[in-house]
Amino acid sequence: MKLDERHLVQLSVVVDAGGVTEGAALLGASQPAVSRTLAMLEKRVGEPLFLPGRRPLRPTAFGRQLAVHGRAILAASRKASETVASFRGGAQGRVRLAGVPFFMDAVVSGIVASFQMKEPDIHVEQSYGHYHDLIPQLVANEIDLAVTPAGTHEISAELAFEPLIAAIAPLPGSPLMLDLTNILLTLGIGELAIRYSGGSLHSVINYLAASQALAIMPLSVVHSLPPEFRIGALPLNIPQPDRMIGIVYRRLSASDPVNRKFFGHLRSNMENLSRVVAKRDGATPWQTGPFMRHMQEP
């Protein structure tokens, strides 16, 4: 037997209110309209829903059972309305975020944490990749946002790129090693012996702390590290290509309120970081502690 869910909802409200008039007021309906609904429901199920002659209204056992289902429908409807309101307000949902490993670990993961302190109902899925890995994932709708160095000329029409902070872009293959090789060639160093490569941010920091090694790393990453790491940057004037670290996203997904909210938080934090980098880059001496460590922006 197919029952009209609206009739069950009205029954539950009347049962809880103790009368048709009171229930109609809660429903925003007229008393005659609610009375007709209850009469139609009784006729449909073939059983009385209320005990006759009782004031306030007393439901029958069968009426109470149907009212339980009406309450569940009403609660689900209200929950669905709250979900719609939360989504439209950007208070609930999911952000699928991916980006270059060093920058994600040193900078973006902390920004995600501060974002979720304010927005605990937004789930962030973080993964890693470089530009040529991330763009196909964006086009295939496997991720929502990519944090990666890029030049505006590299972005196709279906995607949008908003720069966040100046950077030398990682190149395909082994990006940091290639950047380091190119920089040293620019400085006139023709021979390069690579002793360590392929590590994570944590392993590279540990290696630097226990050696006299030089490494290439984003200034934004350097200035996001805790002071106890004692990592500094050599003030070298290195030619930099016209690239920025920024967010790449599908234009069609720009209307997603959750993405917009996270994007705004990321943009604000990047603006603050840019100011910190500019200030410290001009004020920090080139030598820190017993070792000289070279880091420049990739």
Foldseek 3Di string as FASTA:
>chain_A
DDDDLVLLLLLLQCQVQQHLCSSCVVVVHHSVVNVVSQVVVCVVVVHAQFDPPDPSTHGDPVNVVSNVSSVVVVVVVVVVVVVVVCQLQLLAEEAEEEEAQLCCVQPVVVLVVVVCVVRVRYYYHYYYDADVVVVVCQVVVVGFKYFFKDAQVVDDPQKDKDFQFAFFGQDPDQRFVVVVQVQVVVVVDPDDDDDDDDDGNVVVLVVVQVDQDAGEEALLSVLSDDCVSQAAAAPDDTDGDPIGGTMMGGPVCCSRNNVVSSRVSVNVVSVVSNVVSVVCSVPPDQDTPPHGYHYHGD
